[in-house]
Amino acid sequence: MRGARAVLLCMLAALALTGCMRTAGPVAAGQPPSDLDAMAYGRSYAMSPAPPAYAAAPARYDASYKLDAGDKLRVVVYGQEGLTNTYAIDAGGSITMPLIGSVPARGRTPAGLAAEISARLRKGFIREPSVAVEIESYRPFFILGEVVAPGQYPYVPNMSVESAVAIAGGFSPRALRDRVTLTHTDGSGPFRAVVPLGTSVGPGDTVLVGERWF
């Protein structure tokens, strides 16, 4: 009797141990890792959203700017890939396009040139043309006299005489820094004056730095 009772107690103890081994605590979804997990694998951080991508803004220019030889233009004729292209204004002050040939550009604004191209295309080529003209790059400026590297340089919008000198390598040792002459040409002809370093420089202008003799 005692032997049967001992066997029964052993069986009950074994069943209890089996139940304990099968019992597992609840697992919470999304529960942060324990400190041991962090030590083994490193802490995890939520990824911040990527910053939005920004398209490069097109070069800005004065709508009243007068075109001249050396300016490079982007002419867009909507719906006409064969006409949409980059055109440089030649020494004669014109651009040459398919269908309509030479179009005078000197002295016109970009909007004025677009209107002229539209008018010419309307004459037997395209019923209702839509044209846009943008400046792709300006004609160069010139800097002469007492700078390190005189010559012709690409124009940068919002330039001053001082920045033009910097582009040319700075003043030479014999430069007369308070004697800088700026030559600007517009519809009324060339204009020349001695100007301070903060004076604006336009496309096609010539900057002349004088020389001191002592």
C-alpha atoms as a PDB file:
ATOM      1  CA  MET A   1       0.000   0.000   0.000  1.00  0.00           C
ATOM      2  CA  ARG A   2       2.798   2.348   0.902  1.00  0.00           C
ATOM      3  CA  GLY A   3       4.597   1.488  -2.369  1.00  0.00           C
ATOM      4  CA  ALA A   4       1.527   2.300  -4.492  1.00  0.00           C
ATOM      5  CA  ARG A   5       1.046   5.567  -2.664  1.00  0.00           C
ATOM      6  CA  ALA A   6       4.691   6.535  -3.303  1.00  0.00           C
ATOM      7  CA  VAL A   7       4.350   5.740  -7.011  1.00  0.00           C
ATOM      8  CA  LEU A   8       1.171   7.856  -7.180  1.00  0.00           C
ATOM      9  CA  LEU A   9       2.876  10.805  -5.508  1.00  0.00           C
ATOM     10  CA  CYS A  10       5.807  10.580  -7.963  1.00  0.00           C
ATOM     11  CA  MET A  11       3.434  10.601 -10.927  1.00  0.00           C
ATOM     12  CA  LEU A  12       1.564  13.674  -9.600  1.00  0.00           C
ATOM     13  CA  ALA A  13       4.855  15.522  -9.054  1.00  0.00           C
ATOM     14  CA  ALA A  14       5.995  14.700 -12.603  1.00  0.00           C
ATOM     15  CA  LEU A  15       2.716  16.004 -14.078  1.00  0.00           C
ATOM     16  CA  ALA A  16       3.010  19.230 -12.114  1.00  0.00           C
ATOM     17  CA  LEU A  17       6.551  19.791 -13.319  1.00  0.00           C
ATOM     18  CA  THR A  18       5.513  19.148 -16.940  1.00  0.00           C
ATOM     19  CA  GLY A  19       2.730  21.741 -16.660  1.00  0.00           C
ATOM     20  CA  CYS A  20       5.130  24.317 -15.294  1.00  0.00           C
ATOM     21  CA  MET A  21       7.548  23.756 -18.108  1.00  0.00           C
ATOM     22  CA  ARG A  22       4.808  24.220 -20.711  1.00  0.00           C
ATOM     23  CA  THR A  23       3.474  27.403 -19.139  1.00  0.00           C
ATOM     24  CA  ALA A  24       4.907  30.559 -20.728  1.00  0.00           C
ATOM     25  CA  GLY A  25       4.368  34.156 -19.759  1.00  0.00           C
ATOM     26  CA  PRO A  26       2.500  36.498 -22.108  1.00  0.00           C
ATOM     27  CA  VAL A  27       4.555  38.230 -24.874  1.00  0.00           C
ATOM     28  CA  ALA A  28       3.583  41.834 -25.632  1.00  0.00           C
ATOM     29  CA  ALA A  29       3.770  42.822 -29.278  1.00  0.00           C
ATOM     30  CA  GLY A  30       6.097  45.720 -29.810  1.00  0.00           C
ATOM     31  CA  GLN A  31       7.595  45.469 -26.337  1.00  0.00           C
ATOM     32  CA  PRO A  32      10.956  47.252 -26.156  1.00  0.00           C
ATOM     33  CA  PRO A  33      13.984  44.955 -25.892  1.00  0.00           C
ATOM     34  CA  SER A  34      15.491  44.291 -22.517  1.00  0.00           C
ATOM     35  CA  ASP A  35      18.772  45.804 -21.437  1.00  0.00           C
ATOM     36  CA  LEU A  36      20.495  42.510 -22.221  1.00  0.00           C
ATOM     37  CA  ASP A  37      19.132  42.593 -25.768  1.00  0.00           C
ATOM     38  CA  ALA A  38      20.317  46.164 -26.133  1.00  0.00           C
ATOM     39  CA  MET A  39      23.775  45.221 -24.925  1.00  0.00           C
ATOM     40  CA  ALA A  40      23.945  42.314 -27.365  1.00  0.00           C
ATOM     41  CA  TYR A  41      22.408  43.908 -30.459  1.00  0.00           C
ATOM     42  CA  GLY A  42      22.402  47.634 -29.829  1.00  0.00           C
ATOM     43  CA  ARG A  43      19.388  49.834 -29.250  1.00  0.00           C
ATOM     44  CA  SER A  44      16.941  50.290 -32.115  1.00  0.00           C
ATOM     45  CA  TYR A  45      15.678  53.741 -33.054  1.00  0.00           C
ATOM     46  CA  ALA A  46      12.705  54.738 -35.144  1.00  0.00           C
ATOM     47  CA  MET A  47      13.843  56.085 -38.512  1.00  0.00           C
ATOM     48  CA  SER A  48      12.871  59.692 -39.126  1.00  0.00           C
ATOM     49  CA  PRO A  49      11.224  60.375 -42.470  1.00  0.00           C
ATOM     50  CA  ALA A  50      13.565  61.380 -45.267  1.00  0.00           C
ATOM     51  CA  PRO A  51      13.603  65.127 -46.008  1.00  0.00           C
ATOM     52  CA  PRO A  52      11.654  66.126 -49.096  1.00  0.00           C
ATOM     53  CA  ALA A  53      13.594  66.490 -52.320  1.00  0.00           C
ATOM     54  CA  TYR A  54      13.747  69.989 -53.756  1.00  0.00           C
ATOM     55  CA  ALA A  55      14.126  70.644 -57.459  1.00  0.00           C
ATOM     56  CA  ALA A  56      16.822  73.083 -58.447  1.00  0.00           C
ATOM     57  CA  ALA A  57      15.330  76.458 -59.134  1.00  0.00           C
ATOM     58  CA  PRO A  58      15.987  77.926 -62.587  1.00  0.00           C
ATOM     59  CA  ALA A  59      18.278  80.921 -62.892  1.00  0.00           C
ATOM     60  CA  ARG A  60      16.439  84.152 -62.221  1.00  0.00           C
ATOM     61  CA  TYR A  61      16.838  87.268 -64.353  1.00  0.00           C
ATOM     62  CA  ASP A  62      15.334  90.699 -64.786  1.00  0.00           C
ATOM     63  CA  ALA A  63      12.294  90.540 -67.085  1.00  0.00           C
ATOM     64  CA  SER A  64      13.366  93.851 -68.619  1.00  0.00           C
ATOM     65  CA  TYR A  65      16.840  92.547 -69.511  1.00  0.00           C
ATOM     66  CA  LYS A  66      17.834  93.366 -73.088  1.00  0.00           C
ATOM     67  CA  LEU A  67      19.368  90.528 -75.074  1.00  0.00           C
ATOM     68  CA  ASP A  68      22.580  90.871 -77.060  1.00  0.00           C
ATOM     69  CA  ALA A  69      25.276  88.880 -78.822  1.00  0.00           C
ATOM     70  CA  GLY A  70      26.782  86.166 -76.640  1.00  0.00           C
ATOM     71  CA  ASP A  71      23.636  85.413 -74.645  1.00  0.00           C
ATOM     72  CA  LYS A  72      22.573  81.764 -74.817  1.00  0.00           C
ATOM     73  CA  LEU A  73      18.825  81.141 -74.820  1.00  0.00           C
ATOM     74  CA  ARG A  74      16.542  78.193 -74.210  1.00  0.00           C
ATOM     75  CA  VAL A  75      13.627  78.484 -76.635  1.00  0.00           C
ATOM     76  CA  VAL A  76      10.691  76.188 -75.870  1.00  0.00           C
ATOM     77  CA  VAL A  77       7.947  75.724 -78.474  1.00  0.00           C
ATOM     78  CA  TYR A  78       5.389  73.581 -76.655  1.00  0.00           C
ATOM     79  CA  GLY A  79       4.458  70.442 -78.560  1.00  0.00           C
ATOM     80  CA  GLN A  80       7.250  70.976 -81.111  1.00  0.00           C
ATOM     81  CA  GLU A  81      10.378  69.069 -80.092  1.00  0.00           C
ATOM     82  CA  GLY A  82      12.102  69.858 -83.368  1.00  0.00           C
ATOM     83  CA  LEU A  83      11.980  73.584 -82.593  1.00  0.00           C
ATOM     84  CA  THR A  84      12.708  73.450 -78.862  1.00  0.00           C
ATOM     85  CA  ASN A  85      16.439  73.918 -78.402  1.00  0.00           C
ATOM     86  CA  THR A  86      19.261  76.100 -77.080  1.00  0.00           C
ATOM     87  CA  TYR A  87      20.192  78.995 -79.357  1.00  0.00           C
ATOM     88  CA  ALA A  88      23.105  81.422 -79.043  1.00  0.00           C
ATOM     89  CA  ILE A  89      22.734  85.006 -80.209  1.00  0.00           C
ATOM     90  CA  ASP A  90      25.358  85.508 -82.927  1.00  0.00           C
ATOM     91  CA  ALA A  91      27.562  88.534 -83.550  1.00  0.00           C
ATOM     92  CA  GLY A  92      24.839  90.003 -85.738  1.00  0.00           C
ATOM     93  CA  GLY A  93      22.410  89.929 -82.818  1.00  0.00           C
ATOM     94  CA  SER A  94      20.128  87.163 -84.132  1.00  0.00           C
ATOM     95  CA  ILE A  95      19.267  83.522 -83.517  1.00  0.00           C
ATOM     96  CA  THR A  96      18.597  81.051 -86.309  1.00  0.00           C
ATOM     97  CA  MET A  97      15.735  78.568 -85.928  1.00  0.00           C
ATOM     98  CA  PRO A  98      14.294  75.852 -88.174  1.00  0.00           C
ATOM     99  CA  LEU A  99      11.350  76.908 -90.392  1.00  0.00           C
ATOM    100  CA  ILE A 100      11.600  80.637 -89.668  1.00  0.00           C
ATOM    101  CA  GLY A 101      15.352  81.213 -90.128  1.00  0.00           C
ATOM    102  CA  SER A 102      17.064  84.257 -88.602  1.00  0.00           C
ATOM    103  CA  VAL A 103      15.180  86.138 -85.873  1.00  0.00           C
ATOM    104  CA  PRO A 104      16.580  89.458 -84.526  1.00  0.00           C
ATOM    105  CA  ALA A 105      17.154  89.224 -80.774  1.00  0.00           C
ATOM    106  CA  ARG A 106      19.445  92.153 -79.914  1.00  0.00           C
ATOM    107  CA  GLY A 107      17.683  94.761 -77.834  1.00  0.00           C
ATOM    108  CA  ARG A 108      14.608  92.605 -77.186  1.00  0.00           C
ATOM    109  CA  THR A 109      13.486  91.242 -73.844  1.00  0.00           C
ATOM    110  CA  PRO A 110      13.037  87.447 -73.555  1.00  0.00           C
ATOM    111  CA  ALA A 111       9.257  87.945 -73.632  1.00  0.00           C
ATOM    112  CA  GLY A 112       9.526  90.198 -76.675  1.00  0.00           C
ATOM    113  CA  LEU A 113      11.600  87.619 -78.518  1.00  0.00           C
ATOM    114  CA  ALA A 114       9.090  84.892 -77.629  1.00  0.00           C
ATOM    115  CA  ALA A 115       6.288  87.031 -79.086  1.00  0.00           C
ATOM    116  CA  GLU A 116       8.270  87.565 -82.313  1.00  0.00           C
ATOM    117  CA  ILE A 117       8.960  83.831 -82.698  1.00  0.00           C
ATOM    118  CA  SER A 118       5.261  83.081 -82.134  1.00  0.00           C
ATOM    119  CA  ALA A 119       4.227  85.616 -84.785  1.00  0.00           C
ATOM    120  CA  ARG A 120       6.588  84.105 -87.348  1.00  0.00           C
ATOM    121  CA  LEU A 121       5.518  80.525 -86.630  1.00  0.00           C
ATOM    122  CA  ARG A 122       1.884  81.546 -86.957  1.00  0.00           C
ATOM    123  CA  LYS A 123       2.484  82.558 -90.566  1.00  0.00           C
ATOM    124  CA  GLY A 124       1.885  79.230 -92.266  1.00  0.00           C
ATOM    125  CA  PHE A 125       3.671  76.865 -89.878  1.00  0.00           C
ATOM    126  CA  ILE A 126       1.797  76.403 -86.580  1.00  0.00           C
ATOM    127  CA  ARG A 127      -1.784  77.517 -85.966  1.00  0.00           C
ATOM    128  CA  GLU A 128      -1.502  78.581 -82.318  1.00  0.00           C
ATOM    129  CA  PRO A 129       2.154  78.371 -81.213  1.00  0.00           C
ATOM    130  CA  SER A 130       3.050  78.669 -77.530  1.00  0.00           C
ATOM    131  CA  VAL A 131       6.622  79.891 -77.054  1.00  0.00           C
ATOM    132  CA  ALA A 132       8.775  80.606 -73.995  1.00  0.00           C
ATOM    133  CA  VAL A 133      12.291  82.080 -73.981  1.00  0.00           C
ATOM    134  CA  GLU A 134      14.617  81.754 -70.993  1.00  0.00           C
ATOM    135  CA  ILE A 135      18.205  82.866 -70.525  1.00  0.00           C
ATOM    136  CA  GLU A 136      20.414  79.802 -70.207  1.00  0.00           C
ATOM    137  CA  SER A 137      23.625  81.794 -69.780  1.00  0.00           C
ATOM    138  CA  TYR A 138      24.532  85.463 -70.089  1.00  0.00           C
ATOM    139  CA  ARG A 139      27.120  86.992 -72.372  1.00  0.00           C
ATOM    140  CA  PRO A 140      30.525  87.387 -70.681  1.00  0.00           C
ATOM    141  CA  PHE A 141      31.962  90.479 -69.039  1.00  0.00           C
ATOM    142  CA  PHE A 142      35.492  91.839 -69.480  1.00  0.00           C
ATOM    143  CA  ILE A 143      37.996  93.033 -66.884  1.00  0.00           C
ATOM    144  CA  LEU A 144      41.212  94.784 -67.911  1.00  0.00           C
ATOM    145  CA  GLY A 145      44.093  96.672 -66.360  1.00  0.00           C
ATOM    146  CA  GLU A 146      45.708  96.027 -63.003  1.00  0.00           C
ATOM    147  CA  VAL A 147      44.258  92.691 -61.954  1.00  0.00           C
ATOM    148  CA  VAL A 148      46.076  89.381 -61.646  1.00  0.00           C
ATOM    149  CA  ALA A 149      44.342  87.714 -64.617  1.00  0.00           C
ATOM    150  CA  PRO A 150      42.667  90.209 -66.960  1.00  0.00           C
ATOM    151  CA  GLY A 151      40.398  88.860 -69.671  1.00  0.00           C
ATOM    152  CA  GLN A 152      36.884  87.638 -70.471  1.00  0.00           C
ATOM    153  CA  TYR A 153      34.812  85.773 -67.866  1.00  0.00           C
ATOM    154  CA  PRO A 154      31.318  84.252 -67.656  1.00  0.00           C
ATOM    155  CA  TYR A 155      28.845  86.662 -66.127  1.00  0.00           C
ATOM    156  CA  VAL A 156      27.350  85.815 -62.728  1.00  0.00           C
ATOM    157  CA  PRO A 157      24.009  87.447 -61.787  1.00  0.00           C
ATOM    158  CA  ASN A 158      24.159  90.211 -59.144  1.00  0.00           C
ATOM    159  CA  MET A 159      27.850  90.862 -59.702  1.00  0.00           C
ATOM    160  CA  SER A 160      29.608  93.966 -58.407  1.00  0.00           C
ATOM    161  CA  VAL A 161      32.890  95.548 -59.468  1.00  0.00           C
ATOM    162  CA  GLU A 162      34.501  94.055 -56.354  1.00  0.00           C
ATOM    163  CA  SER A 163      33.346  90.511 -57.178  1.00  0.00           C
ATOM    164  CA  ALA A 164      34.516  90.973 -60.786  1.00  0.00           C
ATOM    165  CA  VAL A 165      37.983  91.855 -59.485  1.00  0.00           C
ATOM    166  CA  ALA A 166      37.919  88.777 -57.247  1.00  0.00           C
ATOM    167  CA  ILE A 167      37.012  86.540 -60.208  1.00  0.00           C
ATOM    168  CA  ALA A 168      40.063  87.949 -62.034  1.00  0.00           C
ATOM    169  CA  GLY A 169      42.355  86.972 -59.161  1.00  0.00           C
ATOM    170  CA  GLY A 170      42.307  90.250 -57.250  1.00  0.00           C
ATOM    171  CA  PHE A 171      44.169  93.526 -57.662  1.00  0.00           C
ATOM    172  CA  SER A 172      47.757  93.540 -58.901  1.00  0.00           C
ATOM    173  CA  PRO A 173      50.399  95.246 -56.703  1.00  0.00           C
ATOM    174  CA  ARG A 174      50.230  98.402 -58.867  1.00  0.00           C
ATOM    175  CA  ALA A 175      46.442  98.664 -58.920  1.00  0.00           C
ATOM    176  CA  LEU A 176      44.830 102.030 -58.271  1.00  0.00           C
ATOM    177  CA  ARG A 177      41.978 100.635 -56.214  1.00  0.00           C
ATOM    178  CA  ASP A 178      39.957 103.833 -56.069  1.00  0.00           C
ATOM    179  CA  ARG A 179      40.171 104.347 -59.835  1.00  0.00           C
ATOM    180  CA  VAL A 180      37.989 101.695 -61.475  1.00  0.00           C
ATOM    181  CA  THR A 181      36.206 102.563 -64.723  1.00  0.00           C
ATOM    182  CA  LEU A 182      33.054 100.758 -65.786  1.00  0.00           C
ATOM    183  CA  THR A 183      31.840 100.780 -69.408  1.00  0.00           C
ATOM    184  CA  HIS A 184      28.232  99.772 -70.008  1.00  0.00           C
ATOM    185  CA  THR A 185      26.420  99.705 -73.339  1.00  0.00           C
ATOM    186  CA  ASP A 186      22.646  99.950 -73.696  1.00  0.00           C
ATOM    187  CA  GLY A 187      20.180 101.136 -76.315  1.00  0.00           C
ATOM    188  CA  SER A 188      21.468 104.710 -76.105  1.00  0.00           C
ATOM    189  CA  GLY A 189      25.091 103.657 -76.610  1.00  0.00           C
ATOM    190  CA  PRO A 190      28.155 103.176 -74.369  1.00  0.00           C
ATOM    191  CA  PHE A 191      28.379 104.828 -70.963  1.00  0.00           C
ATOM    192  CA  ARG A 192      31.690 105.122 -69.110  1.00  0.00           C
ATOM    193  CA  ALA A 193      32.284 106.306 -65.538  1.00  0.00           C
ATOM    194  CA  VAL A 194      34.646 105.947 -62.590  1.00  0.00           C
ATOM    195  CA  VAL A 195      32.689 103.934 -60.023  1.00  0.00           C
ATOM    196  CA  PRO A 196      33.057 102.577 -56.464  1.00  0.00           C
ATOM    197  CA  LEU A 197      33.705  98.889 -55.868  1.00  0.00           C
ATOM    198  CA  GLY A 198      30.098  98.200 -54.892  1.00  0.00           C
ATOM    199  CA  THR A 199      28.708  99.219 -58.307  1.00  0.00           C
ATOM    200  CA  SER A 200      26.726  96.560 -60.163  1.00  0.00           C
ATOM    201  CA  VAL A 201      28.217  94.950 -63.270  1.00  0.00           C
ATOM    202  CA  GLY A 202      26.024  93.770 -66.132  1.00  0.00           C
ATOM    203  CA  PRO A 203      26.543  91.225 -68.930  1.00  0.00           C
ATOM    204  CA  GLY A 204      28.881  92.574 -71.585  1.00  0.00           C
ATOM    205  CA  ASP A 205      30.264  95.328 -69.338  1.00  0.00           C
ATOM    206  CA  THR A 206      33.971  96.166 -69.230  1.00  0.00           C
ATOM    207  CA  VAL A 207      35.771  96.867 -65.948  1.00  0.00           C
ATOM    208  CA  LEU A 208      39.104  98.724 -66.192  1.00  0.00           C
ATOM    209  CA  VAL A 209      41.354  98.943 -63.130  1.00  0.00           C
ATOM    210  CA  GLY A 210      43.803 101.844 -63.276  1.00  0.00           C
ATOM    211  CA  GLU A 211      47.522 101.787 -62.478  1.00  0.00           C
ATOM    212  CA  ARG A 212      49.299 103.855 -59.836  1.00  0.00           C
ATOM    213  CA  TRP A 213      52.703 105.340 -60.556  1.00  0.00           C
ATOM    214  CA  PHE A 214      54.113 105.691 -57.052  1.00  0.00           C
END
